[in-house]
Amino acid sequence: MSPESSPIRDPSRRRACPGVLNFVVAASLCSPLLSCNIVGPVAYLALGPPKVEAQYLLVDRPTLVFVDDRNNAIPLAASRIRRAIADKASTDLMAMEILTKTISPRDAMAVTRERDRNDRLLPIEAIGEIVDAQQVIYVEMVSFVGSPDGVTPRATAVCRVKVIDVANRTRLFPAPDAQEPWQLVSVTTRAVDLELYRSPAGRRQIELMLAEQLGDRVAKLFYKHVPDELGSRLQRR
C-alpha cells in the first residue's frame, strides 16, 4: 500500500523577471576596474539562494521509510512520532518526484509489532521483503528530547540514516567503503514558547513539529535543496 500524491514542481524553478535579467546583464558588463558589489545580490535575486546537493541519488523504485526506535530514544508516544517522521519523509520524496511509490510506514510498523521478539528482531531486509519494498531508508533514532539541557526551550532530535537494497542485502548509502555505516542527521528547533511545555497538548505540538522537521531533513538527504527552508517556516506558526 502506498500513499498517493500529485506531482509538484520544484518551487525554485521560476523565471526571473525581465528587469532582474537586464540588471544581471548590466552587472556582467561592469569593468574589472570598478567595484561591482551588486553582482552577488543580483545573482541571488536571479537564481535564488544557493542549494545543497543531494547526499545520495535514490533509484526510483518501491521504497519504505522505516523509523526504528529500538533503544527507546523517543520518551512518549513513540509509535505516533515514528510514523510522523516516516510519513513526512515519504511524502516529501514523492512530492519532489524523487520516488513514485513509497510503502506505508504504518504497514511496516504493524509487521514488526507482530513478528519482533525481544531476543530476535527482524532484519531491515526482512521488513522490506514482507511489505514488497525494493529499498529501505532506515532511520535509527538516537535522541528525541524537548530540550538539549533541560533548561533551554528548544526541541532536538538526532538519528542515523542509511539506505538498504532489499534483494541484494547490501548498503547503498553511505557507500560500502564509507568511514561510517550511517549518515548522522540532527535538527534543533528555535526557542519554543514556554507555555507550550506546560500542557500535554502543547508538548504534543512540539513533538509533532520536531518529528516533521526531522522527516523533512531526512528526505533532503536525497534531493538538492535550500538549507533550513522548512525550519524557518515551522517557527512562524
Protein backbone atom coordinates (compact mmCIF):
# COMPACT_ATOMS: atom_id res chain seq x y z
CA MET A 1 0.00 0.00 0.00
CA SER A 2 1.42 3.40 -0.92
CA PRO A 3 0.32 6.96 -0.21
CA GLU A 4 -0.86 8.86 -3.26
CA SER A 5 0.33 12.32 -4.12
CA SER A 6 0.10 14.60 -7.12
CA PRO A 7 3.47 15.64 -8.51
CA ILE A 8 4.51 19.20 -7.77
CA ARG A 9 7.37 21.01 -9.34
CA ASP A 10 10.35 22.39 -7.52
CA PRO A 11 9.17 25.89 -6.48
CA SER A 12 12.70 27.18 -7.03
CA ARG A 13 12.38 26.67 -10.81
CA ARG A 14 10.99 30.10 -11.65
CA ARG A 15 11.86 32.53 -14.37
CA ALA A 16 13.46 35.71 -13.26
CA CYS A 17 11.54 38.80 -14.33
CA PRO A 18 12.93 40.79 -17.31
CA GLY A 19 14.01 43.61 -15.04
CA VAL A 20 16.17 41.29 -12.98
CA LEU A 21 17.65 39.70 -16.11
CA ASN A 22 18.50 43.10 -17.54
CA PHE A 23 20.13 44.02 -14.25
CA VAL A 24 22.20 40.81 -14.40
CA VAL A 25 23.37 41.66 -17.93
CA ALA A 26 24.27 45.18 -16.88
CA ALA A 27 26.18 43.88 -13.88
CA SER A 28 28.10 41.46 -16.07
CA LEU A 29 29.33 44.40 -18.16
CA CYS A 30 30.94 46.11 -15.19
CA SER A 31 34.56 46.99 -15.78
CA PRO A 32 37.03 44.87 -13.82
CA LEU A 33 38.45 48.16 -12.61
CA LEU A 34 35.17 49.15 -10.99
CA SER A 35 33.73 47.83 -7.78
CA CYS A 36 30.80 45.64 -8.87
CA ASN A 37 29.46 44.74 -5.45
CA ILE A 38 25.98 44.43 -6.93
CA VAL A 39 26.79 41.17 -8.72
CA GLY A 40 26.35 38.98 -5.63
CA PRO A 41 22.88 40.32 -4.71
CA VAL A 42 21.78 40.27 -8.35
CA ALA A 43 22.80 36.65 -8.76
CA TYR A 44 20.88 35.83 -5.58
CA LEU A 45 17.75 37.52 -6.96
CA ALA A 46 18.05 35.86 -10.35
CA LEU A 47 18.99 32.35 -9.27
CA GLY A 48 17.70 32.18 -5.72
CA PRO A 49 19.67 31.21 -2.61
CA PRO A 50 22.43 28.60 -3.01
CA LYS A 51 21.35 24.97 -2.70
CA VAL A 52 22.87 21.93 -1.04
CA GLU A 53 23.47 18.93 -3.29
CA ALA A 54 21.83 15.57 -2.56
CA GLN A 55 23.95 13.25 -0.44
CA TYR A 56 22.74 10.27 -2.47
CA LEU A 57 20.63 9.85 -5.62
CA LEU A 58 17.88 7.33 -4.94
CA VAL A 59 16.79 4.93 -7.65
CA ASP A 60 13.06 5.34 -8.28
CA ARG A 61 11.63 2.05 -7.07
CA PRO A 62 9.22 0.96 -4.30
CA THR A 63 10.72 2.36 -1.13
CA LEU A 64 9.99 2.05 2.57
CA VAL A 65 11.00 4.74 5.04
CA PHE A 66 11.29 2.86 8.32
CA VAL A 67 11.94 4.69 11.59
CA ASP A 68 13.30 2.40 14.29
CA ASP A 69 13.49 3.21 18.00
CA ARG A 70 14.92 0.02 19.44
CA ASN A 71 16.76 1.98 22.14
CA ASN A 72 13.64 3.89 23.25
CA ALA A 73 15.07 7.31 22.39
CA ILE A 74 11.55 8.72 21.98
CA PRO A 75 10.17 9.03 25.54
CA LEU A 76 6.42 9.26 24.82
CA ALA A 77 4.04 8.20 22.02
CA ALA A 78 6.92 6.56 20.17
CA SER A 79 4.73 4.89 17.53
CA ARG A 80 2.99 8.14 16.65
CA ILE A 81 6.27 10.04 16.40
CA ARG A 82 7.98 7.33 14.34
CA ARG A 83 5.07 7.28 11.90
CA ALA A 84 5.04 11.09 11.65
CA ILE A 85 8.75 11.16 10.76
CA ALA A 86 8.40 8.40 8.17
CA ASP A 87 5.23 9.87 6.64
CA LYS A 88 6.86 13.29 6.25
CA ALA A 89 9.97 11.88 4.56
CA SER A 90 7.89 9.61 2.28
CA THR A 91 5.51 12.38 1.25
CA ASP A 92 8.31 14.85 0.55
CA LEU A 93 10.25 12.40 -1.62
CA MET A 94 7.17 11.77 -3.75
CA ALA A 95 6.22 15.44 -3.89
CA MET A 96 9.72 16.27 -5.16
CA GLU A 97 9.34 13.47 -7.76
CA ILE A 98 12.32 11.56 -6.38
CA LEU A 99 10.13 8.49 -5.84
CA THR A 100 6.81 7.48 -7.39
CA LYS A 101 5.91 4.76 -4.89
CA THR A 102 6.51 4.54 -1.17
CA ILE A 103 5.29 1.84 1.19
CA SER A 104 3.01 2.80 4.07
CA PRO A 105 5.13 3.18 7.25
CA ARG A 106 2.07 2.09 9.24
CA ASP A 107 2.06 -1.29 7.45
CA ALA A 108 5.74 -1.88 8.17
CA MET A 109 5.33 -0.93 11.83
CA ALA A 110 2.42 -3.36 12.16
CA VAL A 111 4.61 -6.14 10.76
CA THR A 112 7.38 -5.51 13.27
CA ARG A 113 4.92 -5.40 16.17
CA GLU A 114 3.65 -8.84 15.19
CA ARG A 115 6.96 -10.51 14.42
CA ASP A 116 9.64 -8.84 16.53
CA ARG A 117 10.69 -10.66 19.66
CA ASN A 118 12.87 -9.38 22.50
CA ASP A 119 15.57 -11.89 21.64
CA ARG A 120 15.15 -11.70 17.87
CA LEU A 121 14.31 -8.56 15.90
CA LEU A 122 13.51 -8.62 12.20
CA PRO A 123 16.45 -7.57 9.99
CA ILE A 124 15.91 -4.47 7.88
CA GLU A 125 15.92 -6.51 4.68
CA ALA A 126 13.24 -8.86 6.03
CA ILE A 127 10.96 -5.93 6.87
CA GLY A 128 11.37 -4.64 3.32
CA GLU A 129 10.63 -8.03 1.78
CA ILE A 130 7.44 -8.51 3.77
CA VAL A 131 5.96 -5.18 2.60
CA ASP A 132 7.25 -5.54 -1.00
CA ALA A 133 9.78 -2.72 -0.79
CA GLN A 134 12.85 -2.89 -3.02
CA GLN A 135 14.84 -0.47 -0.91
CA VAL A 136 14.57 0.77 2.66
CA ILE A 137 15.52 4.19 4.01
CA TYR A 138 16.34 3.07 7.52
CA VAL A 139 16.19 5.73 10.24
CA GLU A 140 17.52 4.75 13.66
CA MET A 141 16.60 7.17 16.43
CA VAL A 142 19.39 8.36 18.71
CA SER A 143 17.62 11.06 20.71
CA PHE A 144 14.35 12.98 20.73
CA VAL A 145 14.04 15.48 23.56
CA GLY A 146 12.15 18.65 24.39
CA SER A 147 15.30 20.47 25.49
CA PRO A 148 19.00 19.83 24.92
CA ASP A 149 19.89 20.63 28.53
CA GLY A 150 16.61 20.54 30.45
CA VAL A 151 16.51 24.34 30.58
CA THR A 152 16.71 25.74 27.06
CA PRO A 153 13.25 25.69 25.42
CA ARG A 154 14.40 24.06 22.17
CA ALA A 155 13.42 20.60 20.99
CA THR A 156 16.19 18.47 19.49
CA ALA A 157 16.36 15.17 17.64
CA VAL A 158 19.19 13.05 16.26
CA CYS A 159 19.03 9.96 14.06
CA ARG A 160 21.21 7.75 11.87
CA VAL A 161 20.18 7.12 8.27
CA LYS A 162 21.18 4.51 5.72
CA VAL A 163 19.68 3.06 2.53
CA ILE A 164 19.46 -0.71 2.10
CA ASP A 165 18.99 -2.69 -1.11
CA VAL A 166 16.48 -5.35 -0.06
CA ALA A 167 17.11 -8.00 -2.72
CA ASN A 168 20.89 -7.86 -2.55
CA ARG A 169 21.01 -7.21 1.20
CA THR A 170 23.62 -4.52 0.77
CA ARG A 171 24.01 -0.96 1.97
CA LEU A 172 23.67 1.62 -0.80
CA PHE A 173 24.15 4.73 1.31
CA PRO A 174 26.54 5.56 2.79
CA ALA A 175 28.75 3.76 0.30
CA PRO A 176 30.12 0.39 1.46
CA ASP A 177 33.60 1.88 1.76
CA ALA A 178 32.45 4.96 3.74
CA GLN A 179 34.11 5.69 7.05
CA GLU A 180 30.79 5.47 8.90
CA PRO A 181 27.98 2.98 8.09
CA TRP A 182 25.31 5.65 8.51
CA GLN A 183 24.65 9.36 7.95
CA LEU A 184 24.02 11.33 11.12
CA VAL A 185 21.09 13.76 10.93
CA SER A 186 20.21 16.26 13.66
CA VAL A 187 17.65 19.04 13.99
CA THR A 188 17.01 21.69 16.62
CA THR A 189 14.01 23.97 16.67
CA ARG A 190 14.28 27.61 17.51
CA ALA A 191 13.24 28.65 21.00
CA VAL A 192 9.72 27.39 21.71
CA ASP A 193 7.15 29.30 23.78
CA LEU A 194 7.41 28.02 27.35
CA GLU A 195 3.62 27.96 27.57
CA LEU A 196 3.60 25.00 25.20
CA TYR A 197 5.61 22.93 27.67
CA ARG A 198 3.03 23.45 30.39
CA SER A 199 0.25 21.36 28.88
CA PRO A 200 0.07 17.88 27.33
CA ALA A 201 -1.47 19.35 24.18
CA GLY A 202 1.34 21.87 23.88
CA ARG A 203 4.01 19.22 24.33
CA ARG A 204 2.37 17.09 21.65
CA GLN A 205 2.51 20.07 19.32
CA ILE A 206 6.25 20.44 19.97
CA GLU A 207 6.82 16.71 19.42
CA LEU A 208 4.97 16.69 16.10
CA MET A 209 6.75 19.85 14.96
CA LEU A 210 10.10 18.22 15.74
CA ALA A 211 9.05 14.97 14.02
CA GLU A 212 8.04 16.90 10.88
CA GLN A 213 11.32 18.80 10.88
CA LEU A 214 13.33 15.58 11.26
CA GLY A 215 11.37 13.86 8.46
CA ASP A 216 12.00 16.88 6.26
CA ARG A 217 15.73 16.75 6.95
CA VAL A 218 15.91 13.01 6.24
CA ALA A 219 14.19 13.50 2.87
CA LYS A 220 16.56 16.34 1.99
CA LEU A 221 19.50 13.95 2.07
CA PHE A 222 18.19 12.75 -1.29
CA TYR A 223 17.47 15.92 -3.28
CA LYS A 224 19.01 19.31 -3.96
CA HIS A 225 17.51 21.88 -1.63
CA VAL A 226 17.77 25.24 0.08
CA PRO A 227 19.12 24.54 3.59
CA ASP A 228 16.86 25.14 6.59
CA GLU A 229 13.90 26.17 4.43
CA LEU A 230 11.34 24.17 6.43
CA GLY A 231 12.86 25.06 9.79
CA SER A 232 12.22 28.74 9.23
CA ARG A 233 8.60 28.10 8.23
CA LEU A 234 7.87 25.95 11.26
CA GLN A 235 8.80 28.69 13.66
CA ARG A 236 6.31 31.18 12.23
CA ARG A 237 3.24 29.11 13.01
